[in-house]
Each structure stands twice: as structure tokens, then as C-alpha cells.
């Protein structure tokens, strides 16, 4: 399946560069090129992208506004800023507002674009997994604990790892009462 990329840059040469670098890292791409506010709004409405790569200085807005609009609609999606006009203040503001990676446009850093895209995607996947776990909640964790081949357990009287979140719900349920839940027995 192709990586779906929203490419927000009004410079066609920079868009071609980003696509070339991302193809080297991910292979097949399905790229939507954004050059104005209308195409950006349509792309946001479609929700059909896995990674957004934006320039900071655009003719119709700036990258921080793009970032805010994307995160307002899809907080879990990967977003990178690839720019030659930003500065440290812009980078810090972007990081505070949820950009996954910030890469300066310069020939010496083009190879970093691939690594940054991979990192941004991994961060987005981690956010997605965390959100799913939070939605699943302790009931799902309880079910997985009971189904786990190693069972649920404690070291002595101290519960470990995942069990800390659900000790009241897991260790005091009738299905668990009376089971030996110690790893050190």
C-alpha cells in the first residue's frame, strides 16, 4: 500500500525533491500536492493522508497555521516541516504545537528528509497505538491479561508494568481471586 503524503509547498522544485527523497525511503507514494488554501481545505476534508510535509513560508499562509489546522482535525497524523525560511523560534513553536520533525532545506540535509519522515511516521504510529490503548481501557487490558499464556502476576506483593493501571479492577475480580498471581512462587 502506498504511503499517502500531503505535500504542502508552493515551490514545484521542492515538491519534486521531497517526493524523490520519500520514494527512496518508502517506495510507492500517493502524493497530493497542495499549492493554495482551496486545495489544502479539500485535502483536510478528505482525510486521505498518512504524512503531511509542509514548508513554513507559503504564499497563502505559513507552516504553523498549516500545522494547527492538521492537528485540529487529526492529532495523530505525522507532520513534518521542511523549510528554508524558518528559524529557531519557528522550529520551537512548531515542536510545541505538535510537529514531529523539522528539517532545514539545504543540500547537505536532503538525506535527513528520509530519516525524518521515517521518524515522524513512527511517532504517529506510537500515538495511534497509545490512543487505541486508552480507548480500549482497563476492560480490554483485563481481557488480554487473562488470555495471556504467562497469566497475570506480581513480584511478591508488588504489581508490575501494565498491571499498575488496573490493579483494583484486575486483582480484585472474582475470576482472579484465589489464583496464584506471583511470578516468584
C-alpha atoms as a PDB file:
ATOM      1  CA  UNK A   1       0.000   0.000   0.000  1.00  0.00           C
ATOM      2  CA  UNK A   2       1.325   3.410  -0.940  1.00  0.00           C
ATOM      3  CA  UNK A   3       2.214   5.971   1.692  1.00  0.00           C
ATOM      4  CA  UNK A   4      -0.299   8.820   1.343  1.00  0.00           C
ATOM      5  CA  UNK A   5       1.560  12.127   1.518  1.00  0.00           C
ATOM      6  CA  UNK A   6       0.116  15.615   1.717  1.00  0.00           C
ATOM      7  CA  UNK A   7       2.849  17.830   0.266  1.00  0.00           C
ATOM      8  CA  UNK A   8       2.312  21.499   1.099  1.00  0.00           C
ATOM      9  CA  UNK A   9       4.822  23.684  -0.709  1.00  0.00           C
ATOM     10  CA  UNK A  10       4.340  26.291  -3.417  1.00  0.00           C
ATOM     11  CA  UNK A  11       7.750  25.593  -4.988  1.00  0.00           C
ATOM     12  CA  UNK A  12       7.499  22.805  -7.615  1.00  0.00           C
ATOM     13  CA  UNK A  13      11.223  22.007  -7.387  1.00  0.00           C
ATOM     14  CA  UNK A  14      10.973  21.483  -3.633  1.00  0.00           C
ATOM     15  CA  UNK A  15       7.900  19.289  -4.075  1.00  0.00           C
ATOM     16  CA  UNK A  16       9.815  17.143  -6.583  1.00  0.00           C
ATOM     17  CA  UNK A  17      12.775  16.904  -4.197  1.00  0.00           C
ATOM     18  CA  UNK A  18      10.577  15.771  -1.308  1.00  0.00           C
ATOM     19  CA  UNK A  19       8.886  13.166  -3.469  1.00  0.00           C
ATOM     20  CA  UNK A  20      12.221  11.824  -4.719  1.00  0.00           C
ATOM     21  CA  UNK A  21      13.610  11.509  -1.187  1.00  0.00           C
ATOM     22  CA  UNK A  22      10.460   9.915   0.221  1.00  0.00           C
ATOM     23  CA  UNK A  23      10.309   7.394  -2.645  1.00  0.00           C
ATOM     24  CA  UNK A  24      13.834   6.312  -1.763  1.00  0.00           C
ATOM     25  CA  UNK A  25      12.701   5.648   1.805  1.00  0.00           C
ATOM     26  CA  UNK A  26       9.152   4.337   1.359  1.00  0.00           C
ATOM     27  CA  UNK A  27       8.882   3.181  -2.250  1.00  0.00           C
ATOM     28  CA  UNK A  28       5.380   3.756  -3.538  1.00  0.00           C
ATOM     29  CA  UNK A  29       3.809   7.142  -2.746  1.00  0.00           C
ATOM     30  CA  UNK A  30       0.377   8.604  -3.318  1.00  0.00           C
ATOM     31  CA  UNK A  31       1.103  12.325  -3.178  1.00  0.00           C
ATOM     32  CA  UNK A  32      -1.397  15.164  -3.021  1.00  0.00           C
ATOM     33  CA  UNK A  33       0.358  18.418  -3.881  1.00  0.00           C
ATOM     34  CA  UNK A  34      -1.004  21.494  -2.112  1.00  0.00           C
ATOM     35  CA  UNK A  35      -0.265  24.933  -3.524  1.00  0.00           C
ATOM     36  CA  UNK A  36      -3.162  27.038  -2.227  1.00  0.00           C
ATOM     37  CA  UNK A  37      -5.766  27.355   0.532  1.00  0.00           C
ATOM     38  CA  UNK A  38      -8.513  25.722  -1.504  1.00  0.00           C
ATOM     39  CA  UNK A  39      -6.603  22.539  -2.249  1.00  0.00           C
ATOM     40  CA  UNK A  40      -5.461  22.431   1.391  1.00  0.00           C
ATOM     41  CA  UNK A  41      -9.043  22.660   2.681  1.00  0.00           C
ATOM     42  CA  UNK A  42     -10.149  19.929   0.269  1.00  0.00           C
ATOM     43  CA  UNK A  43      -7.282  17.665   1.329  1.00  0.00           C
ATOM     44  CA  UNK A  44      -8.113  18.180   5.011  1.00  0.00           C
ATOM     45  CA  UNK A  45     -11.742  17.311   4.318  1.00  0.00           C
ATOM     46  CA  UNK A  46     -10.730  14.121   2.505  1.00  0.00           C
ATOM     47  CA  UNK A  47      -8.639  12.906   5.462  1.00  0.00           C
ATOM     48  CA  UNK A  48      -6.725  10.791   2.935  1.00  0.00           C
ATOM     49  CA  UNK A  49      -3.119  11.176   4.091  1.00  0.00           C
ATOM     50  CA  UNK A  50      -0.687   9.477   6.439  1.00  0.00           C
ATOM     51  CA  UNK A  51       2.067  12.095   6.402  1.00  0.00           C
ATOM     52  CA  UNK A  52       1.980  15.846   5.837  1.00  0.00           C
ATOM     53  CA  UNK A  53       5.130  17.678   4.767  1.00  0.00           C
ATOM     54  CA  UNK A  54       4.837  21.453   4.846  1.00  0.00           C
ATOM     55  CA  UNK A  55       7.036  24.400   4.074  1.00  0.00           C
ATOM     56  CA  UNK A  56       6.969  27.265   6.568  1.00  0.00           C
ATOM     57  CA  UNK A  57       6.651  30.220   4.208  1.00  0.00           C
ATOM     58  CA  UNK A  58       3.785  29.800   1.797  1.00  0.00           C
ATOM     59  CA  UNK A  59       2.162  32.472  -0.386  1.00  0.00           C
ATOM     60  CA  UNK A  60      -1.236  31.946   1.224  1.00  0.00           C
ATOM     61  CA  UNK A  61      -0.329  31.105   4.864  1.00  0.00           C
ATOM     62  CA  UNK A  62       2.530  29.776   6.967  1.00  0.00           C
ATOM     63  CA  UNK A  63       3.521  26.323   8.140  1.00  0.00           C
ATOM     64  CA  UNK A  64       2.430  26.950  11.727  1.00  0.00           C
ATOM     65  CA  UNK A  65      -1.118  27.660  10.543  1.00  0.00           C
ATOM     66  CA  UNK A  66      -1.000  24.530   8.380  1.00  0.00           C
ATOM     67  CA  UNK A  67       0.214  22.507  11.350  1.00  0.00           C
ATOM     68  CA  UNK A  68      -2.554  23.877  13.583  1.00  0.00           C
ATOM     69  CA  UNK A  69      -5.232  23.060  11.013  1.00  0.00           C
ATOM     70  CA  UNK A  70      -3.964  19.500  10.532  1.00  0.00           C
ATOM     71  CA  UNK A  71      -3.594  18.803  14.251  1.00  0.00           C
ATOM     72  CA  UNK A  72      -7.043  20.265  14.977  1.00  0.00           C
ATOM     73  CA  UNK A  73      -8.561  17.695  12.644  1.00  0.00           C
ATOM     74  CA  UNK A  74      -6.147  14.758  13.003  1.00  0.00           C
ATOM     75  CA  UNK A  75      -3.958  14.981  16.068  1.00  0.00           C
ATOM     76  CA  UNK A  76      -2.425  11.557  15.421  1.00  0.00           C
ATOM     77  CA  UNK A  77      -1.160  12.174  11.870  1.00  0.00           C
ATOM     78  CA  UNK A  78       2.564  12.599  11.152  1.00  0.00           C
ATOM     79  CA  UNK A  79       3.581  16.164  10.252  1.00  0.00           C
ATOM     80  CA  UNK A  80       7.000  17.397   9.140  1.00  0.00           C
ATOM     81  CA  UNK A  81       8.160  20.916   8.435  1.00  0.00           C
ATOM     82  CA  UNK A  82      10.746  21.166   5.640  1.00  0.00           C
ATOM     83  CA  UNK A  83      11.738  24.771   5.204  1.00  0.00           C
ATOM     84  CA  UNK A  84      14.463  27.152   4.228  1.00  0.00           C
ATOM     85  CA  UNK A  85      12.878  30.261   5.704  1.00  0.00           C
ATOM     86  CA  UNK A  86      12.218  29.287   9.308  1.00  0.00           C
ATOM     87  CA  UNK A  87      14.490  29.881  12.263  1.00  0.00           C
ATOM     88  CA  UNK A  88      14.975  28.503  15.766  1.00  0.00           C
ATOM     89  CA  UNK A  89      11.899  30.331  17.055  1.00  0.00           C
ATOM     90  CA  UNK A  90       9.761  28.803  14.312  1.00  0.00           C
ATOM     91  CA  UNK A  91      11.205  25.350  14.990  1.00  0.00           C
ATOM     92  CA  UNK A  92      10.498  25.622  18.715  1.00  0.00           C
ATOM     93  CA  UNK A  93       6.961  26.876  18.110  1.00  0.00           C
ATOM     94  CA  UNK A  94       6.345  24.058  15.641  1.00  0.00           C
ATOM     95  CA  UNK A  95       7.596  21.454  18.131  1.00  0.00           C
ATOM     96  CA  UNK A  96       5.381  22.915  20.857  1.00  0.00           C
ATOM     97  CA  UNK A  97       2.407  22.617  18.524  1.00  0.00           C
ATOM     98  CA  UNK A  98       2.984  19.005  17.552  1.00  0.00           C
ATOM     99  CA  UNK A  99       5.237  18.886  14.506  1.00  0.00           C
ATOM    100  CA  UNK A 100       7.024  15.548  14.507  1.00  0.00           C
ATOM    101  CA  UNK A 101      10.147  16.614  12.634  1.00  0.00           C
ATOM    102  CA  UNK A 102      11.685  19.879  11.438  1.00  0.00           C
ATOM    103  CA  UNK A 103      14.243  19.772   8.618  1.00  0.00           C
ATOM    104  CA  UNK A 104      16.057  22.769   7.143  1.00  0.00           C
ATOM    105  CA  UNK A 105      16.095  22.922   3.345  1.00  0.00           C
ATOM    106  CA  UNK A 106      19.728  22.702   2.324  1.00  0.00           C
ATOM    107  CA  UNK A 107      21.577  20.291   0.036  1.00  0.00           C
ATOM    108  CA  UNK A 108      23.553  18.938   2.994  1.00  0.00           C
ATOM    109  CA  UNK A 109      20.350  17.944   4.757  1.00  0.00           C
ATOM    110  CA  UNK A 110      18.291  16.389   1.962  1.00  0.00           C
ATOM    111  CA  UNK A 111      19.205  12.881   3.109  1.00  0.00           C
ATOM    112  CA  UNK A 112      17.856  13.774   6.571  1.00  0.00           C
ATOM    113  CA  UNK A 113      14.447  14.220   4.997  1.00  0.00           C
ATOM    114  CA  UNK A 114      14.113  10.449   4.585  1.00  0.00           C
ATOM    115  CA  UNK A 115      15.141   9.720   8.164  1.00  0.00           C
ATOM    116  CA  UNK A 116      12.893  12.470   9.496  1.00  0.00           C
ATOM    117  CA  UNK A 117       9.928  11.108   7.538  1.00  0.00           C
ATOM    118  CA  UNK A 118      10.519   7.614   8.932  1.00  0.00           C
ATOM    119  CA  UNK A 119      10.794   9.063  12.454  1.00  0.00           C
ATOM    120  CA  UNK A 120       7.619  11.124  12.006  1.00  0.00           C
ATOM    121  CA  UNK A 121       5.713   8.041  10.864  1.00  0.00           C
ATOM    122  CA  UNK A 122       6.973   6.010  13.828  1.00  0.00           C
ATOM    123  CA  UNK A 123       5.908   8.754  16.240  1.00  0.00           C
ATOM    124  CA  UNK A 124       2.457   8.882  14.648  1.00  0.00           C
ATOM    125  CA  UNK A 125       2.095   5.102  14.914  1.00  0.00           C
ATOM    126  CA  UNK A 126       3.073   5.263  18.583  1.00  0.00           C
ATOM    127  CA  UNK A 127       0.462   7.994  19.205  1.00  0.00           C
ATOM    128  CA  UNK A 128      -2.148   5.916  17.427  1.00  0.00           C
ATOM    129  CA  UNK A 129      -1.319   2.819  19.477  1.00  0.00           C
ATOM    130  CA  UNK A 130      -1.463   4.820  22.700  1.00  0.00           C
ATOM    131  CA  UNK A 131      -4.820   6.318  21.750  1.00  0.00           C
ATOM    132  CA  UNK A 132      -6.202   2.855  20.969  1.00  0.00           C
ATOM    133  CA  UNK A 133      -4.960   1.543  24.306  1.00  0.00           C
ATOM    134  CA  UNK A 134      -6.593   4.439  26.120  1.00  0.00           C
ATOM    135  CA  UNK A 135      -9.879   3.829  24.299  1.00  0.00           C
ATOM    136  CA  UNK A 136      -9.634   0.117  24.995  1.00  0.00           C
ATOM    137  CA  UNK A 137      -9.197   0.946  28.650  1.00  0.00           C
ATOM    138  CA  UNK A 138      -8.788  -1.384  31.549  1.00  0.00           C
ATOM    139  CA  UNK A 139     -11.532  -3.788  30.434  1.00  0.00           C
ATOM    140  CA  UNK A 140      -9.525  -4.690  27.328  1.00  0.00           C
ATOM    141  CA  UNK A 141      -6.317  -4.871  29.307  1.00  0.00           C
ATOM    142  CA  UNK A 142      -8.029  -7.184  31.781  1.00  0.00           C
ATOM    143  CA  UNK A 143      -9.170  -9.473  28.974  1.00  0.00           C
ATOM    144  CA  UNK A 144      -5.664  -9.572  27.483  1.00  0.00           C
ATOM    145  CA  UNK A 145      -4.157 -10.327  30.893  1.00  0.00           C
ATOM    146  CA  UNK A 146      -6.459 -13.286  31.436  1.00  0.00           C
ATOM    147  CA  UNK A 147      -5.779 -14.568  27.921  1.00  0.00           C
ATOM    148  CA  UNK A 148      -2.009 -14.155  28.151  1.00  0.00           C
ATOM    149  CA  UNK A 149      -0.181 -17.502  28.269  1.00  0.00           C
ATOM    150  CA  UNK A 150       2.011 -16.272  31.095  1.00  0.00           C
ATOM    151  CA  UNK A 151      -1.058 -15.127  33.019  1.00  0.00           C
ATOM    152  CA  UNK A 152      -1.127 -12.136  35.254  1.00  0.00           C
ATOM    153  CA  UNK A 153       1.337 -11.722  38.018  1.00  0.00           C
ATOM    154  CA  UNK A 154       3.105  -9.881  40.746  1.00  0.00           C
ATOM    155  CA  UNK A 155       6.572  -9.895  42.200  1.00  0.00           C
ATOM    156  CA  UNK A 156       5.794 -10.631  45.808  1.00  0.00           C
ATOM    157  CA  UNK A 157       3.111  -8.132  46.644  1.00  0.00           C
ATOM    158  CA  UNK A 158       4.237  -5.517  44.086  1.00  0.00           C
ATOM    159  CA  UNK A 159       2.313  -5.451  40.833  1.00  0.00           C
ATOM    160  CA  UNK A 160       4.364  -4.744  37.723  1.00  0.00           C
ATOM    161  CA  UNK A 161       4.143  -2.762  34.483  1.00  0.00           C
ATOM    162  CA  UNK A 162       0.809  -2.866  32.814  1.00  0.00           C
ATOM    163  CA  UNK A 163      -0.900  -4.122  35.955  1.00  0.00           C
ATOM    164  CA  UNK A 164      -0.305  -0.919  37.871  1.00  0.00           C
ATOM    165  CA  UNK A 165      -3.062   0.776  35.867  1.00  0.00           C
ATOM    166  CA  UNK A 166      -5.654  -1.855  36.548  1.00  0.00           C
ATOM    167  CA  UNK A 167      -4.710  -3.495  39.837  1.00  0.00           C
ATOM    168  CA  UNK A 168      -8.009  -2.628  41.503  1.00  0.00           C
ATOM    169  CA  UNK A 169     -10.015  -3.970  38.578  1.00  0.00           C
ATOM    170  CA  UNK A 170      -7.875  -6.993  37.769  1.00  0.00           C
ATOM    171  CA  UNK A 171      -6.559  -8.380  41.017  1.00  0.00           C
ATOM    172  CA  UNK A 172      -9.821  -7.980  42.905  1.00  0.00           C
ATOM    173  CA  UNK A 173     -12.166  -9.532  40.334  1.00  0.00           C
ATOM    174  CA  UNK A 174     -13.811 -12.878  41.160  1.00  0.00           C
ATOM    175  CA  UNK A 175     -12.126 -14.531  38.164  1.00  0.00           C
ATOM    176  CA  UNK A 176      -8.719 -13.736  39.656  1.00  0.00           C
ATOM    177  CA  UNK A 177      -9.417 -14.213  43.345  1.00  0.00           C
ATOM    178  CA  UNK A 178      -7.750 -17.361  44.565  1.00  0.00           C
ATOM    179  CA  UNK A 179      -5.346 -17.611  41.594  1.00  0.00           C
ATOM    180  CA  UNK A 180      -1.650 -17.629  42.361  1.00  0.00           C
ATOM    181  CA  UNK A 181      -0.584 -14.365  40.730  1.00  0.00           C
ATOM    182  CA  UNK A 182       3.037 -14.349  41.870  1.00  0.00           C
ATOM    183  CA  UNK A 183       5.991 -14.709  39.500  1.00  0.00           C
ATOM    184  CA  UNK A 184       8.302 -15.526  42.363  1.00  0.00           C
ATOM    185  CA  UNK A 185       6.476 -18.556  43.804  1.00  0.00           C
END
